[in-house]
Amino acid sequence: LIIIGGAQFRGSHTIVEKPYANKIKIPSLHFLGDNDFLKDGGEKLIESFVDPFIIRHPKGHTVPRLVDEENLKVMTRFLDKMEKEISEHSSTEAQEPADVDEKEMCI
């Protein structure tokens, strides 16, 4: 999951409570701007994930350019993790019988 300028829901406690009751256990990469008007909500959203990767940039609510060496390292580590997990999942799937029609592609 890659989130650019994302933020946790705001609103009544009842609405916000359910989606964030448990930590989200999927690999995630978050882009968060120092001058983003949603920065506080973005920080709260990051707290909702297990082991998130975070790229901070000096801009606002925008897609940043990855020119900073440290941010490129974070992106590379996230992509390496995803590649490893996909590879492990694919090798496990190859050992198990397929549960989909051969004409169907599941991503």
N, C-alpha and C. Protein backbone atom coordinates (compact mmCIF):
# COMPACT_ATOMS: atom_id res chain seq x y z
N LEU A 1 0.85 -1.17 0.00
CA LEU A 1 0.00 0.00 0.00
C LEU A 1 0.89 1.23 0.00
N ILE A 2 0.64 2.14 -0.93
CA ILE A 2 1.37 3.39 -0.97
C ILE A 2 0.36 4.52 -0.79
N ILE A 3 0.59 5.35 0.21
CA ILE A 3 -0.31 6.44 0.53
C ILE A 3 0.43 7.76 0.37
N ILE A 4 -0.10 8.64 -0.46
CA ILE A 4 0.52 9.95 -0.68
C ILE A 4 -0.43 11.00 -0.14
N GLY A 5 -0.01 11.70 0.91
CA GLY A 5 -0.83 12.76 1.48
C GLY A 5 -2.10 12.25 2.14
N GLY A 6 -2.07 11.03 2.65
CA GLY A 6 -3.24 10.45 3.31
C GLY A 6 -3.39 10.94 4.73
N ALA A 7 -4.58 10.75 5.27
CA ALA A 7 -4.86 11.15 6.65
C ALA A 7 -5.91 10.23 7.24
N GLN A 8 -5.88 10.13 8.54
CA GLN A 8 -6.89 9.35 9.26
C GLN A 8 -8.23 10.08 9.18
N PHE A 9 -9.32 9.30 9.14
CA PHE A 9 -10.65 9.89 9.12
C PHE A 9 -10.81 10.86 10.28
N ARG A 10 -11.59 11.89 10.04
CA ARG A 10 -11.97 12.79 11.12
C ARG A 10 -13.48 12.72 11.24
N GLY A 11 -13.97 13.04 12.37
CA GLY A 11 -15.41 13.01 12.56
C GLY A 11 -15.75 12.50 13.93
N SER A 12 -16.95 11.97 14.04
CA SER A 12 -17.40 11.50 15.34
C SER A 12 -16.56 10.31 15.80
N HIS A 13 -16.41 10.18 17.09
CA HIS A 13 -15.62 9.11 17.69
C HIS A 13 -16.13 7.74 17.22
N THR A 14 -17.43 7.58 17.07
CA THR A 14 -18.02 6.31 16.66
C THR A 14 -17.56 5.92 15.26
N ILE A 15 -17.50 6.87 14.35
CA ILE A 15 -17.09 6.58 12.98
C ILE A 15 -15.60 6.29 12.90
N VAL A 16 -14.80 7.03 13.62
CA VAL A 16 -13.35 6.89 13.57
C VAL A 16 -12.86 5.65 14.31
N GLU A 17 -13.55 5.26 15.33
CA GLU A 17 -13.11 4.16 16.19
C GLU A 17 -12.99 2.83 15.47
N LYS A 18 -13.98 2.43 14.67
CA LYS A 18 -14.00 1.10 14.05
C LYS A 18 -12.86 0.85 13.06
N PRO A 19 -12.61 1.74 12.09
CA PRO A 19 -11.55 1.43 11.13
C PRO A 19 -10.16 1.32 11.76
N TYR A 20 -9.95 1.97 12.88
CA TYR A 20 -8.62 1.99 13.48
C TYR A 20 -8.56 1.24 14.81
N ALA A 21 -9.51 0.36 15.03
CA ALA A 21 -9.54 -0.40 16.28
C ALA A 21 -8.33 -1.32 16.41
N ASN A 22 -7.85 -1.85 15.29
CA ASN A 22 -6.68 -2.73 15.28
C ASN A 22 -5.64 -2.14 14.34
N LYS A 23 -4.38 -2.44 14.62
CA LYS A 23 -3.31 -1.99 13.74
C LYS A 23 -3.47 -2.66 12.37
N ILE A 24 -3.17 -1.93 11.31
CA ILE A 24 -3.28 -2.43 9.95
C ILE A 24 -1.98 -3.16 9.63
N LYS A 25 -2.10 -4.44 9.26
CA LYS A 25 -0.93 -5.31 9.13
C LYS A 25 -0.56 -5.59 7.68
N ILE A 26 -0.51 -4.56 6.85
CA ILE A 26 -0.04 -4.74 5.48
C ILE A 26 1.15 -3.80 5.27
N PRO A 27 2.08 -4.17 4.41
CA PRO A 27 3.20 -3.28 4.14
C PRO A 27 2.70 -1.94 3.62
N SER A 28 3.23 -0.86 4.14
CA SER A 28 2.75 0.45 3.72
C SER A 28 3.90 1.44 3.61
N LEU A 29 3.77 2.32 2.63
CA LEU A 29 4.71 3.41 2.42
C LEU A 29 3.90 4.70 2.42
N HIS A 30 4.28 5.63 3.28
CA HIS A 30 3.53 6.87 3.45
C HIS A 30 4.39 8.07 3.05
N PHE A 31 3.87 8.91 2.17
CA PHE A 31 4.52 10.17 1.82
C PHE A 31 3.82 11.26 2.61
N LEU A 32 4.58 12.02 3.38
CA LEU A 32 3.99 13.04 4.25
C LEU A 32 4.76 14.35 4.12
N GLY A 33 4.05 15.40 3.71
CA GLY A 33 4.66 16.71 3.53
C GLY A 33 4.68 17.52 4.81
N ASP A 34 5.79 18.20 5.06
CA ASP A 34 5.91 19.04 6.25
C ASP A 34 4.87 20.17 6.24
N ASN A 35 4.49 20.63 5.06
CA ASN A 35 3.54 21.74 4.94
C ASN A 35 2.17 21.28 4.43
N ASP A 36 1.90 20.00 4.54
CA ASP A 36 0.60 19.46 4.11
C ASP A 36 -0.46 19.86 5.13
N PHE A 37 -1.58 20.37 4.66
CA PHE A 37 -2.66 20.75 5.57
C PHE A 37 -3.25 19.53 6.28
N LEU A 38 -2.96 18.33 5.77
CA LEU A 38 -3.44 17.10 6.41
C LEU A 38 -2.34 16.41 7.23
N LYS A 39 -1.25 17.10 7.51
CA LYS A 39 -0.11 16.48 8.18
C LYS A 39 -0.48 15.83 9.51
N ASP A 40 -1.24 16.51 10.36
CA ASP A 40 -1.61 15.92 11.66
C ASP A 40 -2.41 14.63 11.47
N GLY A 41 -3.35 14.64 10.53
CA GLY A 41 -4.13 13.43 10.24
C GLY A 41 -3.26 12.36 9.62
N GLY A 42 -2.24 12.76 8.85
CA GLY A 42 -1.31 11.81 8.26
C GLY A 42 -0.46 11.12 9.32
N GLU A 43 -0.03 11.90 10.32
CA GLU A 43 0.74 11.33 11.44
C GLU A 43 -0.13 10.31 12.19
N LYS A 44 -1.40 10.64 12.40
CA LYS A 44 -2.31 9.72 13.09
C LYS A 44 -2.51 8.44 12.26
N LEU A 45 -2.62 8.61 10.94
CA LEU A 45 -2.79 7.45 10.07
C LEU A 45 -1.58 6.53 10.15
N ILE A 46 -0.39 7.09 10.14
CA ILE A 46 0.83 6.30 10.23
C ILE A 46 0.85 5.45 11.50
N GLU A 47 0.34 6.01 12.60
CA GLU A 47 0.28 5.26 13.87
C GLU A 47 -0.62 4.05 13.78
N SER A 48 -1.50 4.00 12.78
CA SER A 48 -2.45 2.90 12.62
C SER A 48 -1.85 1.68 11.94
N PHE A 49 -0.63 1.79 11.43
CA PHE A 49 -0.01 0.71 10.69
C PHE A 49 1.11 0.04 11.49
N VAL A 50 1.29 -1.26 11.24
CA VAL A 50 2.40 -2.00 11.81
C VAL A 50 3.60 -1.79 10.90
N ASP A 51 4.69 -1.30 11.42
CA ASP A 51 5.95 -1.16 10.69
C ASP A 51 5.83 -0.38 9.38
N PRO A 52 5.31 0.86 9.42
CA PRO A 52 5.19 1.64 8.18
C PRO A 52 6.53 2.21 7.72
N PHE A 53 6.68 2.37 6.42
CA PHE A 53 7.81 3.09 5.84
C PHE A 53 7.30 4.51 5.62
N ILE A 54 8.14 5.51 5.90
CA ILE A 54 7.69 6.90 5.83
C ILE A 54 8.72 7.72 5.05
N ILE A 55 8.22 8.47 4.07
CA ILE A 55 9.05 9.42 3.34
C ILE A 55 8.49 10.80 3.63
N ARG A 56 9.30 11.61 4.29
CA ARG A 56 8.89 12.98 4.61
C ARG A 56 9.52 13.92 3.59
N HIS A 57 8.77 14.95 3.22
CA HIS A 57 9.28 15.93 2.26
C HIS A 57 8.86 17.32 2.70
N PRO A 58 9.55 18.35 2.23
CA PRO A 58 9.30 19.71 2.70
C PRO A 58 8.09 20.39 2.06
N LYS A 59 7.43 19.75 1.14
CA LYS A 59 6.33 20.37 0.40
C LYS A 59 5.01 20.23 1.16
N GLY A 60 3.94 20.58 0.46
CA GLY A 60 2.60 20.49 1.04
C GLY A 60 1.89 19.23 0.59
N HIS A 61 0.61 19.35 0.26
CA HIS A 61 -0.24 18.23 -0.13
C HIS A 61 -0.02 17.96 -1.62
N THR A 62 1.09 17.27 -1.92
CA THR A 62 1.50 17.04 -3.29
C THR A 62 2.31 15.75 -3.41
N VAL A 63 2.49 15.28 -4.62
CA VAL A 63 3.37 14.13 -4.87
C VAL A 63 4.79 14.68 -4.95
N PRO A 64 5.66 14.26 -4.04
CA PRO A 64 7.01 14.82 -4.02
C PRO A 64 7.93 14.18 -5.06
N ARG A 65 8.95 14.90 -5.42
CA ARG A 65 10.02 14.34 -6.24
C ARG A 65 11.02 13.68 -5.28
N LEU A 66 11.47 12.51 -5.63
CA LEU A 66 12.40 11.78 -4.76
C LEU A 66 13.83 12.13 -5.13
N VAL A 67 14.29 13.29 -4.70
CA VAL A 67 15.65 13.71 -5.00
C VAL A 67 16.57 13.55 -3.79
N ASP A 68 15.99 13.39 -2.63
CA ASP A 68 16.77 13.24 -1.39
C ASP A 68 17.26 11.80 -1.28
N GLU A 69 18.56 11.63 -1.02
CA GLU A 69 19.18 10.30 -0.94
C GLU A 69 18.53 9.42 0.14
N GLU A 70 18.23 9.99 1.29
CA GLU A 70 17.62 9.20 2.38
C GLU A 70 16.23 8.71 1.99
N ASN A 71 15.45 9.56 1.34
CA ASN A 71 14.11 9.14 0.90
C ASN A 71 14.18 8.06 -0.16
N LEU A 72 15.17 8.14 -1.03
CA LEU A 72 15.36 7.08 -2.03
C LEU A 72 15.70 5.75 -1.36
N LYS A 73 16.48 5.81 -0.28
CA LYS A 73 16.80 4.58 0.47
C LYS A 73 15.55 3.98 1.10
N VAL A 74 14.68 4.82 1.66
CA VAL A 74 13.43 4.33 2.25
C VAL A 74 12.58 3.66 1.17
N MET A 75 12.45 4.31 0.02
CA MET A 75 11.66 3.75 -1.09
C MET A 75 12.25 2.42 -1.53
N THR A 76 13.57 2.35 -1.65
CA THR A 76 14.23 1.10 -2.07
C THR A 76 14.00 -0.01 -1.06
N ARG A 77 14.10 0.30 0.24
CA ARG A 77 13.86 -0.72 1.27
C ARG A 77 12.42 -1.22 1.20
N PHE A 78 11.46 -0.33 0.99
CA PHE A 78 10.06 -0.73 0.87
C PHE A 78 9.87 -1.64 -0.34
N LEU A 79 10.41 -1.25 -1.48
CA LEU A 79 10.27 -2.06 -2.69
C LEU A 79 10.96 -3.41 -2.54
N ASP A 80 12.12 -3.45 -1.88
CA ASP A 80 12.80 -4.72 -1.62
C ASP A 80 11.94 -5.63 -0.75
N LYS A 81 11.32 -5.05 0.27
CA LYS A 81 10.45 -5.83 1.15
C LYS A 81 9.27 -6.40 0.36
N MET A 82 8.67 -5.57 -0.49
CA MET A 82 7.54 -6.03 -1.29
C MET A 82 7.96 -7.15 -2.25
N GLU A 83 9.11 -6.99 -2.88
CA GLU A 83 9.60 -8.01 -3.80
C GLU A 83 9.81 -9.33 -3.07
N LYS A 84 10.38 -9.27 -1.88
CA LYS A 84 10.63 -10.48 -1.09
C LYS A 84 9.31 -11.15 -0.71
N GLU A 85 8.34 -10.36 -0.25
CA GLU A 85 7.05 -10.94 0.15
C GLU A 85 6.31 -11.54 -1.04
N ILE A 86 6.37 -10.88 -2.17
CA ILE A 86 5.70 -11.41 -3.37
C ILE A 86 6.38 -12.70 -3.80
N SER A 87 7.70 -12.72 -3.75
CA SER A 87 8.44 -13.92 -4.13
C SER A 87 8.11 -15.09 -3.20
N GLU A 88 8.06 -14.83 -1.90
CA GLU A 88 7.72 -15.87 -0.93
C GLU A 88 6.30 -16.36 -1.15
N HIS A 89 5.39 -15.43 -1.41
CA HIS A 89 3.99 -15.79 -1.64
C HIS A 89 3.85 -16.63 -2.91
N SER A 90 4.58 -16.24 -3.95
CA SER A 90 4.52 -16.97 -5.23
C SER A 90 5.06 -18.38 -5.09
N SER A 91 6.14 -18.56 -4.33
CA SER A 91 6.70 -19.90 -4.17
C SER A 91 5.78 -20.77 -3.33
N THR A 92 5.08 -20.19 -2.36
CA THR A 92 4.10 -20.94 -1.57
C THR A 92 2.92 -21.32 -2.43
N GLU A 93 2.45 -20.39 -3.26
CA GLU A 93 1.31 -20.66 -4.14
C GLU A 93 1.62 -21.75 -5.14
N ALA A 94 2.87 -21.80 -5.63
CA ALA A 94 3.26 -22.80 -6.63
C ALA A 94 3.16 -24.20 -6.06
N GLN A 95 3.30 -24.35 -4.74
CA GLN A 95 3.23 -25.65 -4.11
C GLN A 95 1.80 -26.07 -3.82
N GLU A 96 0.88 -25.11 -3.78
CA GLU A 96 -0.51 -25.40 -3.46
C GLU A 96 -1.32 -25.50 -4.74
N PRO A 97 -2.41 -26.30 -4.73
CA PRO A 97 -3.26 -26.36 -5.92
C PRO A 97 -3.91 -25.00 -6.17
N ALA A 98 -4.05 -24.66 -7.43
CA ALA A 98 -4.66 -23.37 -7.79
C ALA A 98 -6.15 -23.39 -7.49
N ASP A 99 -6.67 -22.28 -6.93
CA ASP A 99 -8.10 -22.24 -6.70
C ASP A 99 -8.82 -21.33 -7.68
N VAL A 100 -8.16 -20.99 -8.76
CA VAL A 100 -8.80 -20.16 -9.77
C VAL A 100 -8.67 -20.82 -11.13
N ASP A 101 -9.55 -20.46 -12.01
CA ASP A 101 -9.52 -20.94 -13.38
C ASP A 101 -8.21 -20.47 -14.03
N GLU A 102 -7.62 -21.30 -14.89
CA GLU A 102 -6.36 -20.94 -15.52
C GLU A 102 -6.47 -19.68 -16.37
N LYS A 103 -7.67 -19.30 -16.76
CA LYS A 103 -7.87 -18.11 -17.58
C LYS A 103 -8.00 -16.85 -16.71
N GLU A 104 -8.05 -17.04 -15.43
CA GLU A 104 -8.25 -15.91 -14.52
C GLU A 104 -6.92 -15.50 -13.91
N MET A 105 -6.71 -14.20 -13.81
CA MET A 105 -5.46 -13.69 -13.23
C MET A 105 -5.78 -12.99 -11.94
N CYS A 106 -5.14 -13.40 -10.85
CA CYS A 106 -5.34 -12.76 -9.56
C CYS A 106 -4.08 -12.03 -9.19
N ILE A 107 -4.23 -10.77 -8.84
CA ILE A 107 -3.08 -9.96 -8.47
C ILE A 107 -3.17 -9.62 -7.01
